Structures are given as C-alpha cells and as structure tokens.
Amino acid sequence: MRRFWRIFRLLALLSIVIAAIAVVLVIRGDPGTHVHMMIATALGVGLSVLLGSALMTLSFLSSSRGHDDEAATRLRDEEKE
C-alpha cells in the first residue's frame, strides 16, 4: 500500500501540471475566457488524468504482486475441462 501512495503522489503532481498546461492552452486560444471555464477545464483534465493513472497503477501493482496469477490459473483449468 505504501508503494501505491508513493506513486500516487507523483501522479497527482503530474495531473496538476497537465491541468495547468490545459488551462494555459485554453486561455491562449480565447483571451476572453471566463474563470468558470478555466476551473472546469482544470478540474476535468486534472481529475481525468488522475483517475486514469491511478487505475493503471493499481493494475500494474496487482500484476506485480501475483494477484492476477490466481485468476489466470482458474481460467486455464476451465479451458482444460
């Protein structure tokens, strides 16, 4: 669990940086953008990146701990029958 949180903190920082880049790109495209649009862009992009990266991290950590091996063994046993 400690490994997940360490990786998750780095990914949270990454999502903040990507959200800031997205807001800058929106402002550059239309200088008259309202603050609500900037907040929505930051939250939408930031949370989407954070969710995607957290799910990928969980799948990699699950695979590295061997949790997927048990499911693969059951699938092979069912295919033999």
PDB file of N, CA and C in Angstrom:
ATOM      1  N   MET A   1       0.823  -1.196   0.000  1.00  0.00           N
ATOM      2  CA  MET A   1       0.000   0.000   0.000  1.00  0.00           C
ATOM      3  C   MET A   1       0.868   1.261   0.000  1.00  0.00           C
ATOM      4  N   ARG A   2       1.993   1.181   0.693  1.00  0.00           N
ATOM      5  CA  ARG A   2       2.887   2.331   0.756  1.00  0.00           C
ATOM      6  C   ARG A   2       3.444   2.663  -0.628  1.00  0.00           C
ATOM      7  N   ARG A   3       3.721   1.617  -1.414  1.00  0.00           N
ATOM      8  CA  ARG A   3       4.230   1.818  -2.773  1.00  0.00           C
ATOM      9  C   ARG A   3       3.197   2.536  -3.644  1.00  0.00           C
ATOM     10  N   PHE A   4       1.915   2.152  -3.494  1.00  0.00           N
ATOM     11  CA  PHE A   4       0.850   2.796  -4.262  1.00  0.00           C
ATOM     12  C   PHE A   4       0.762   4.276  -3.938  1.00  0.00           C
ATOM     13  N   TRP A   5       0.791   4.628  -2.660  1.00  0.00           N
ATOM     14  CA  TRP A   5       0.655   6.032  -2.275  1.00  0.00           C
ATOM     15  C   TRP A   5       1.852   6.864  -2.725  1.00  0.00           C
ATOM     16  N   ARG A   6       3.033   6.253  -2.730  1.00  0.00           N
ATOM     17  CA  ARG A   6       4.211   6.973  -3.218  1.00  0.00           C
ATOM     18  C   ARG A   6       4.060   7.280  -4.709  1.00  0.00           C
ATOM     19  N   ILE A   7       3.633   6.298  -5.482  1.00  0.00           N
ATOM     20  CA  ILE A   7       3.412   6.503  -6.912  1.00  0.00           C
ATOM     21  C   ILE A   7       2.256   7.472  -7.129  1.00  0.00           C
ATOM     22  N   PHE A   8       1.206   7.349  -6.327  1.00  0.00           N
ATOM     23  CA  PHE A   8       0.023   8.190  -6.485  1.00  0.00           C
ATOM     24  C   PHE A   8       0.347   9.664  -6.238  1.00  0.00           C
ATOM     25  N   ARG A   9       1.233   9.948  -5.285  1.00  0.00           N
ATOM     26  CA  ARG A   9       1.626  11.337  -5.043  1.00  0.00           C
ATOM     27  C   ARG A   9       2.324  11.934  -6.260  1.00  0.00           C
ATOM     28  N   LEU A  10       3.187  11.166  -6.881  1.00  0.00           N
ATOM     29  CA  LEU A  10       3.857  11.642  -8.093  1.00  0.00           C
ATOM     30  C   LEU A  10       2.848  11.853  -9.223  1.00  0.00           C
ATOM     31  N   LEU A  11       1.889  10.960  -9.337  1.00  0.00           N
ATOM     32  CA  LEU A  11       0.879  11.097 -10.381  1.00  0.00           C
ATOM     33  C   LEU A  11      -0.057  12.268 -10.099  1.00  0.00           C
ATOM     34  N   ALA A  12      -0.310  12.571  -8.843  1.00  0.00           N
ATOM     35  CA  ALA A  12      -1.120  13.738  -8.507  1.00  0.00           C
ATOM     36  C   ALA A  12      -0.397  15.016  -8.926  1.00  0.00           C
ATOM     37  N   LEU A  13       0.891  15.057  -8.710  1.00  0.00           N
ATOM     38  CA  LEU A  13       1.686  16.205  -9.159  1.00  0.00           C
ATOM     39  C   LEU A  13       1.652  16.301 -10.683  1.00  0.00           C
ATOM     40  N   LEU A  14       1.774  15.182 -11.352  1.00  0.00           N
ATOM     41  CA  LEU A  14       1.705  15.163 -12.813  1.00  0.00           C
ATOM     42  C   LEU A  14       0.354  15.668 -13.316  1.00  0.00           C
ATOM     43  N   SER A  15      -0.724  15.255 -12.674  1.00  0.00           N
ATOM     44  CA  SER A  15      -2.053  15.693 -13.115  1.00  0.00           C
ATOM     45  C   SER A  15      -2.255  17.192 -12.884  1.00  0.00           C
ATOM     46  N   ILE A  16      -1.671  17.745 -11.828  1.00  0.00           N
ATOM     47  CA  ILE A  16      -1.755  19.187 -11.591  1.00  0.00           C
ATOM     48  C   ILE A  16      -1.009  19.944 -12.683  1.00  0.00           C
ATOM     49  N   VAL A  17       0.157  19.431 -13.057  1.00  0.00           N
ATOM     50  CA  VAL A  17       0.935  20.079 -14.115  1.00  0.00           C
ATOM     51  C   VAL A  17       0.186  20.022 -15.442  1.00  0.00           C
ATOM     52  N   ILE A  18      -0.387  18.870 -15.766  1.00  0.00           N
ATOM     53  CA  ILE A  18      -1.126  18.728 -17.020  1.00  0.00           C
ATOM     54  C   ILE A  18      -2.374  19.615 -17.016  1.00  0.00           C
ATOM     55  N   ALA A  19      -3.057  19.718 -15.886  1.00  0.00           N
ATOM     56  CA  ALA A  19      -4.219  20.602 -15.791  1.00  0.00           C
ATOM     57  C   ALA A  19      -3.815  22.057 -15.982  1.00  0.00           C
ATOM     58  N   ALA A  20      -2.683  22.451 -15.432  1.00  0.00           N
ATOM     59  CA  ALA A  20      -2.206  23.832 -15.613  1.00  0.00           C
ATOM     60  C   ALA A  20      -1.877  24.105 -17.076  1.00  0.00           C
ATOM     61  N   ILE A  21      -1.269  23.131 -17.731  1.00  0.00           N
ATOM     62  CA  ILE A  21      -0.973  23.287 -19.158  1.00  0.00           C
ATOM     63  C   ILE A  21      -2.266  23.424 -19.956  1.00  0.00           C
ATOM     64  N   ALA A  22      -3.275  22.628 -19.616  1.00  0.00           N
ATOM     65  CA  ALA A  22      -4.560  22.708 -20.321  1.00  0.00           C
ATOM     66  C   ALA A  22      -5.210  24.074 -20.127  1.00  0.00           C
ATOM     67  N   VAL A  23      -5.141  24.614 -18.922  1.00  0.00           N
ATOM     68  CA  VAL A  23      -5.725  25.941 -18.665  1.00  0.00           C
ATOM     69  C   VAL A  23      -4.990  27.014 -19.461  1.00  0.00           C
ATOM     70  N   VAL A  24      -3.671  26.917 -19.512  1.00  0.00           N
ATOM     71  CA  VAL A  24      -2.885  27.887 -20.290  1.00  0.00           C
ATOM     72  C   VAL A  24      -3.262  27.805 -21.766  1.00  0.00           C
ATOM     73  N   LEU A  25      -3.445  26.591 -22.283  1.00  0.00           N
ATOM     74  CA  LEU A  25      -3.828  26.444 -23.687  1.00  0.00           C
ATOM     75  C   LEU A  25      -5.219  27.008 -23.961  1.00  0.00           C
ATOM     76  N   VAL A  26      -6.135  26.844 -23.018  1.00  0.00           N
ATOM     77  CA  VAL A  26      -7.483  27.403 -23.187  1.00  0.00           C
ATOM     78  C   VAL A  26      -7.426  28.922 -23.173  1.00  0.00           C
ATOM     79  N   ILE A  27      -6.644  29.491 -22.281  1.00  0.00           N
ATOM     80  CA  ILE A  27      -6.520  30.952 -22.203  1.00  0.00           C
ATOM     81  C   ILE A  27      -5.859  31.508 -23.467  1.00  0.00           C
ATOM     82  N   ARG A  28      -4.852  30.807 -23.975  1.00  0.00           N
ATOM     83  CA  ARG A  28      -4.185  31.270 -25.202  1.00  0.00           C
ATOM     84  C   ARG A  28      -5.137  31.239 -26.396  1.00  0.00           C
ATOM     85  N   GLY A  29      -6.043  30.259 -26.422  1.00  0.00           N
ATOM     86  CA  GLY A  29      -6.976  30.149 -27.531  1.00  0.00           C
ATOM     87  C   GLY A  29      -8.029  31.237 -27.538  1.00  0.00           C
ATOM     88  N   ASP A  30      -8.473  31.646 -26.351  1.00  0.00           N
ATOM     89  CA  ASP A  30      -9.509  32.679 -26.243  1.00  0.00           C
ATOM     90  C   ASP A  30      -9.224  33.526 -25.005  1.00  0.00           C
ATOM     91  N   PRO A  31      -8.626  34.696 -25.180  1.00  0.00           N
ATOM     92  CA  PRO A  31      -8.268  35.534 -24.025  1.00  0.00           C
ATOM     93  C   PRO A  31      -9.481  35.992 -23.209  1.00  0.00           C
ATOM     94  N   GLY A  32     -10.661  35.977 -23.774  1.00  0.00           N
ATOM     95  CA  GLY A  32     -11.844  36.415 -23.047  1.00  0.00           C
ATOM     96  C   GLY A  32     -12.538  35.297 -22.294  1.00  0.00           C
ATOM     97  N   THR A  33     -11.837  34.224 -21.994  1.00  0.00           N
ATOM     98  CA  THR A  33     -12.412  33.071 -21.308  1.00  0.00           C
ATOM     99  C   THR A  33     -12.778  33.429 -19.867  1.00  0.00           C
ATOM    100  N   HIS A  34     -13.949  32.985 -19.447  1.00  0.00           N
ATOM    101  CA  HIS A  34     -14.400  33.230 -18.076  1.00  0.00           C
ATOM    102  C   HIS A  34     -13.667  32.318 -17.099  1.00  0.00           C
ATOM    103  N   VAL A  35     -13.643  32.733 -15.863  1.00  0.00           N
ATOM    104  CA  VAL A  35     -12.959  31.967 -14.824  1.00  0.00           C
ATOM    105  C   VAL A  35     -13.630  30.603 -14.624  1.00  0.00           C
ATOM    106  N   HIS A  36     -14.947  30.528 -14.858  1.00  0.00           N
ATOM    107  CA  HIS A  36     -15.641  29.256 -14.699  1.00  0.00           C
ATOM    108  C   HIS A  36     -15.155  28.221 -15.712  1.00  0.00           C
ATOM    109  N   MET A  37     -14.844  28.679 -16.899  1.00  0.00           N
ATOM    110  CA  MET A  37     -14.314  27.777 -17.926  1.00  0.00           C
ATOM    111  C   MET A  37     -12.927  27.276 -17.537  1.00  0.00           C
ATOM    112  N   MET A  38     -12.113  28.130 -16.952  1.00  0.00           N
ATOM    113  CA  MET A  38     -10.778  27.710 -16.528  1.00  0.00           C
ATOM    114  C   MET A  38     -10.853  26.698 -15.383  1.00  0.00           C
ATOM    115  N   ILE A  39     -11.765  26.926 -14.448  1.00  0.00           N
ATOM    116  CA  ILE A  39     -11.934  25.992 -13.330  1.00  0.00           C
ATOM    117  C   ILE A  39     -12.439  24.646 -13.839  1.00  0.00           C
ATOM    118  N   ALA A  40     -13.416  24.675 -14.737  1.00  0.00           N
ATOM    119  CA  ALA A  40     -13.954  23.433 -15.291  1.00  0.00           C
ATOM    120  C   ALA A  40     -12.894  22.667 -16.076  1.00  0.00           C
ATOM    121  N   THR A  41     -12.077  23.376 -16.830  1.00  0.00           N
ATOM    122  CA  THR A  41     -11.006  22.736 -17.586  1.00  0.00           C
ATOM    123  C   THR A  41      -9.987  22.100 -16.654  1.00  0.00           C
ATOM    124  N   ALA A  42      -9.584  22.840 -15.643  1.00  0.00           N
ATOM    125  CA  ALA A  42      -8.591  22.321 -14.695  1.00  0.00           C
ATOM    126  C   ALA A  42      -9.116  21.089 -13.968  1.00  0.00           C
ATOM    127  N   LEU A  43     -10.351  21.151 -13.492  1.00  0.00           N
ATOM    128  CA  LEU A  43     -10.910  20.006 -12.778  1.00  0.00           C
ATOM    129  C   LEU A  43     -11.136  18.810 -13.703  1.00  0.00           C
ATOM    130  N   GLY A  44     -11.666  19.068 -14.881  1.00  0.00           N
ATOM    131  CA  GLY A  44     -11.934  17.974 -15.813  1.00  0.00           C
ATOM    132  C   GLY A  44     -10.678  17.261 -16.256  1.00  0.00           C
ATOM    133  N   VAL A  45      -9.696  18.025 -16.685  1.00  0.00           N
ATOM    134  CA  VAL A  45      -8.446  17.426 -17.159  1.00  0.00           C
ATOM    135  C   VAL A  45      -7.680  16.802 -15.997  1.00  0.00           C
ATOM    136  N   GLY A  46      -7.565  17.521 -14.899  1.00  0.00           N
ATOM    137  CA  GLY A  46      -6.800  17.019 -13.755  1.00  0.00           C
ATOM    138  C   GLY A  46      -7.368  15.741 -13.175  1.00  0.00           C
ATOM    139  N   LEU A  47      -8.669  15.713 -12.959  1.00  0.00           N
ATOM    140  CA  LEU A  47      -9.280  14.508 -12.380  1.00  0.00           C
ATOM    141  C   LEU A  47      -9.289  13.339 -13.358  1.00  0.00           C
ATOM    142  N   SER A  48      -9.433  13.615 -14.638  1.00  0.00           N
ATOM    143  CA  SER A  48      -9.390  12.536 -15.637  1.00  0.00           C
ATOM    144  C   SER A  48      -8.010  11.892 -15.693  1.00  0.00           C
ATOM    145  N   VAL A  49      -6.977  12.706 -15.698  1.00  0.00           N
ATOM    146  CA  VAL A  49      -5.615  12.176 -15.708  1.00  0.00           C
ATOM    147  C   VAL A  49      -5.334  11.422 -14.409  1.00  0.00           C
ATOM    148  N   LEU A  50      -5.776  11.964 -13.296  1.00  0.00           N
ATOM    149  CA  LEU A  50      -5.553  11.323 -12.006  1.00  0.00           C
ATOM    150  C   LEU A  50      -6.263   9.979 -11.911  1.00  0.00           C
ATOM    151  N   LEU A  51      -7.493   9.914 -12.363  1.00  0.00           N
ATOM    152  CA  LEU A  51      -8.243   8.660 -12.325  1.00  0.00           C
ATOM    153  C   LEU A  51      -7.612   7.615 -13.236  1.00  0.00           C
ATOM    154  N   GLY A  52      -7.282   8.005 -14.448  1.00  0.00           N
ATOM    155  CA  GLY A  52      -6.665   7.060 -15.372  1.00  0.00           C
ATOM    156  C   GLY A  52      -5.339   6.538 -14.870  1.00  0.00           C
ATOM    157  N   SER A  53      -4.519   7.414 -14.358  1.00  0.00           N
ATOM    158  CA  SER A  53      -3.212   6.982 -13.867  1.00  0.00           C
ATOM    159  C   SER A  53      -3.334   6.136 -12.594  1.00  0.00           C
ATOM    160  N   ALA A  54      -4.298   6.444 -11.746  1.00  0.00           N
ATOM    161  CA  ALA A  54      -4.494   5.633 -10.532  1.00  0.00           C
ATOM    162  C   ALA A  54      -4.954   4.224 -10.894  1.00  0.00           C
ATOM    163  N   LEU A  55      -5.852   4.104 -11.856  1.00  0.00           N
ATOM    164  CA  LEU A  55      -6.314   2.776 -12.264  1.00  0.00           C
ATOM    165  C   LEU A  55      -5.200   1.973 -12.923  1.00  0.00           C
ATOM    166  N   MET A  56      -4.385   2.622 -13.730  1.00  0.00           N
ATOM    167  CA  MET A  56      -3.259   1.917 -14.346  1.00  0.00           C
ATOM    168  C   MET A  56      -2.240   1.492 -13.284  1.00  0.00           C
ATOM    169  N   THR A  57      -2.002   2.336 -12.293  1.00  0.00           N
ATOM    170  CA  THR A  57      -1.088   1.991 -11.211  1.00  0.00           C
ATOM    171  C   THR A  57      -1.591   0.788 -10.445  1.00  0.00           C
ATOM    172  N   LEU A  58      -2.881   0.763 -10.150  1.00  0.00           N
ATOM    173  CA  LEU A  58      -3.443  -0.386  -9.440  1.00  0.00           C
ATOM    174  C   LEU A  58      -3.317  -1.669 -10.252  1.00  0.00           C
ATOM    175  N   SER A  59      -3.520  -1.600 -11.553  1.00  0.00           N
ATOM    176  CA  SER A  59      -3.403  -2.809 -12.372  1.00  0.00           C
ATOM    177  C   SER A  59      -1.953  -3.297 -12.419  1.00  0.00           C
ATOM    178  N   PHE A  60      -0.988  -2.393 -12.522  1.00  0.00           N
ATOM    179  CA  PHE A  60       0.407  -2.808 -12.523  1.00  0.00           C
ATOM    180  C   PHE A  60       0.832  -3.375 -11.170  1.00  0.00           C
ATOM    181  N   LEU A  61       0.399  -2.753 -10.085  1.00  0.00           N
ATOM    182  CA  LEU A  61       0.751  -3.262  -8.759  1.00  0.00           C
ATOM    183  C   LEU A  61       0.082  -4.603  -8.496  1.00  0.00           C
ATOM    184  N   SER A  62      -1.135  -4.777  -8.970  1.00  0.00           N
ATOM    185  CA  SER A  62      -1.829  -6.055  -8.822  1.00  0.00           C
ATOM    186  C   SER A  62      -1.094  -7.152  -9.568  1.00  0.00           C
ATOM    187  N   SER A  63      -0.636  -6.839 -10.755  1.00  0.00           N
ATOM    188  CA  SER A  63       0.097  -7.817 -11.558  1.00  0.00           C
ATOM    189  C   SER A  63       1.444  -8.154 -10.920  1.00  0.00           C
ATOM    190  N   SER A  64       2.120  -7.169 -10.370  1.00  0.00           N
ATOM    191  CA  SER A  64       3.438  -7.419  -9.791  1.00  0.00           C
ATOM    192  C   SER A  64       3.369  -8.203  -8.482  1.00  0.00           C
ATOM    193  N   ARG A  65       2.248  -8.176  -7.813  1.00  0.00           N
ATOM    194  CA  ARG A  65       2.109  -8.925  -6.565  1.00  0.00           C
ATOM    195  C   ARG A  65       1.575 -10.330  -6.769  1.00  0.00           C
ATOM    196  N   GLY A  66       1.220 -10.678  -7.995  1.00  0.00           N
ATOM    197  CA  GLY A  66       0.779 -12.038  -8.269  1.00  0.00           C
ATOM    198  C   GLY A  66      -0.706 -12.264  -8.120  1.00  0.00           C
ATOM    199  N   HIS A  67      -1.495 -11.223  -7.927  1.00  0.00           N
ATOM    200  CA  HIS A  67      -2.939 -11.393  -7.783  1.00  0.00           C
ATOM    201  C   HIS A  67      -3.571 -11.893  -9.076  1.00  0.00           C
ATOM    202  N   ASP A  68      -2.970 -11.564 -10.206  1.00  0.00           N
ATOM    203  CA  ASP A  68      -3.524 -11.978 -11.488  1.00  0.00           C
ATOM    204  C   ASP A  68      -3.201 -13.435 -11.808  1.00  0.00           C
ATOM    205  N   ASP A  69      -2.184 -13.993 -11.175  1.00  0.00           N
ATOM    206  CA  ASP A  69      -1.809 -15.375 -11.446  1.00  0.00           C
ATOM    207  C   ASP A  69      -2.912 -16.346 -11.041  1.00  0.00           C
ATOM    208  N   GLU A  70      -3.565 -16.066  -9.930  1.00  0.00           N
ATOM    209  CA  GLU A  70      -4.643 -16.939  -9.459  1.00  0.00           C
ATOM    210  C   GLU A  70      -5.803 -16.954 -10.456  1.00  0.00           C
ATOM    211  N   ALA A  71      -6.142 -15.805 -11.004  1.00  0.00           N
ATOM    212  CA  ALA A  71      -7.221 -15.735 -11.984  1.00  0.00           C
ATOM    213  C   ALA A  71      -6.833 -16.446 -13.269  1.00  0.00           C
ATOM    214  N   ALA A  72      -5.590 -16.334 -13.680  1.00  0.00           N
ATOM    215  CA  ALA A  72      -5.127 -17.000 -14.894  1.00  0.00           C
ATOM    216  C   ALA A  72      -5.124 -18.512 -14.718  1.00  0.00           C
ATOM    217  N   THR A  73      -4.786 -18.987 -13.529  1.00  0.00           N
ATOM    218  CA  THR A  73      -4.780 -20.421 -13.264  1.00  0.00           C
ATOM    219  C   THR A  73      -6.196 -20.980 -13.349  1.00  0.00           C
ATOM    220  N   ARG A  74      -7.159 -20.273 -12.791  1.00  0.00           N
ATOM    221  CA  ARG A  74      -8.555 -20.732 -12.863  1.00  0.00           C
ATOM    222  C   ARG A  74      -9.049 -20.771 -14.301  1.00  0.00           C
ATOM    223  N   LEU A  75      -8.664 -19.770 -15.091  1.00  0.00           N
ATOM    224  CA  LEU A  75      -9.078 -19.721 -16.480  1.00  0.00           C
ATOM    225  C   LEU A  75      -8.489 -20.890 -17.262  1.00  0.00           C
ATOM    226  N   ARG A  76      -7.236 -21.231 -17.016  1.00  0.00           N
ATOM    227  CA  ARG A  76      -6.616 -22.365 -17.701  1.00  0.00           C
ATOM    228  C   ARG A  76      -7.274 -23.669 -17.307  1.00  0.00           C
ATOM    229  N   ASP A  77      -7.632 -23.807 -16.011  1.00  0.00           N
ATOM    230  CA  ASP A  77      -8.307 -25.014 -15.557  1.00  0.00           C
ATOM    231  C   ASP A  77      -9.678 -25.177 -16.198  1.00  0.00           C
ATOM    232  N   GLU A  78     -10.398 -24.077 -16.374  1.00  0.00           N
ATOM    233  CA  GLU A  78     -11.704 -24.138 -17.003  1.00  0.00           C
ATOM    234  C   GLU A  78     -11.605 -24.460 -18.483  1.00  0.00           C
ATOM    235  N   GLU A  79     -10.546 -24.011 -19.152  1.00  0.00           N
ATOM    236  CA  GLU A  79     -10.366 -24.301 -20.566  1.00  0.00           C
ATOM    237  C   GLU A  79     -10.029 -25.760 -20.798  1.00  0.00           C
ATOM    238  N   LYS A  80      -9.353 -26.420 -19.844  1.00  0.00           N
ATOM    239  CA  LYS A  80      -8.990 -27.834 -19.975  1.00  0.00           C
ATOM    240  C   LYS A  80     -10.214 -28.734 -19.871  1.00  0.00           C
ATOM    241  N   GLU A  81     -11.214 -28.306 -19.136  1.00  0.00           N
ATOM    242  CA  GLU A  81     -12.394 -29.154 -18.906  1.00  0.00           C
ATOM    243  C   GLU A  81     -13.299 -29.193 -20.070  1.00  0.00           C
TER     244      GLU A  81
END
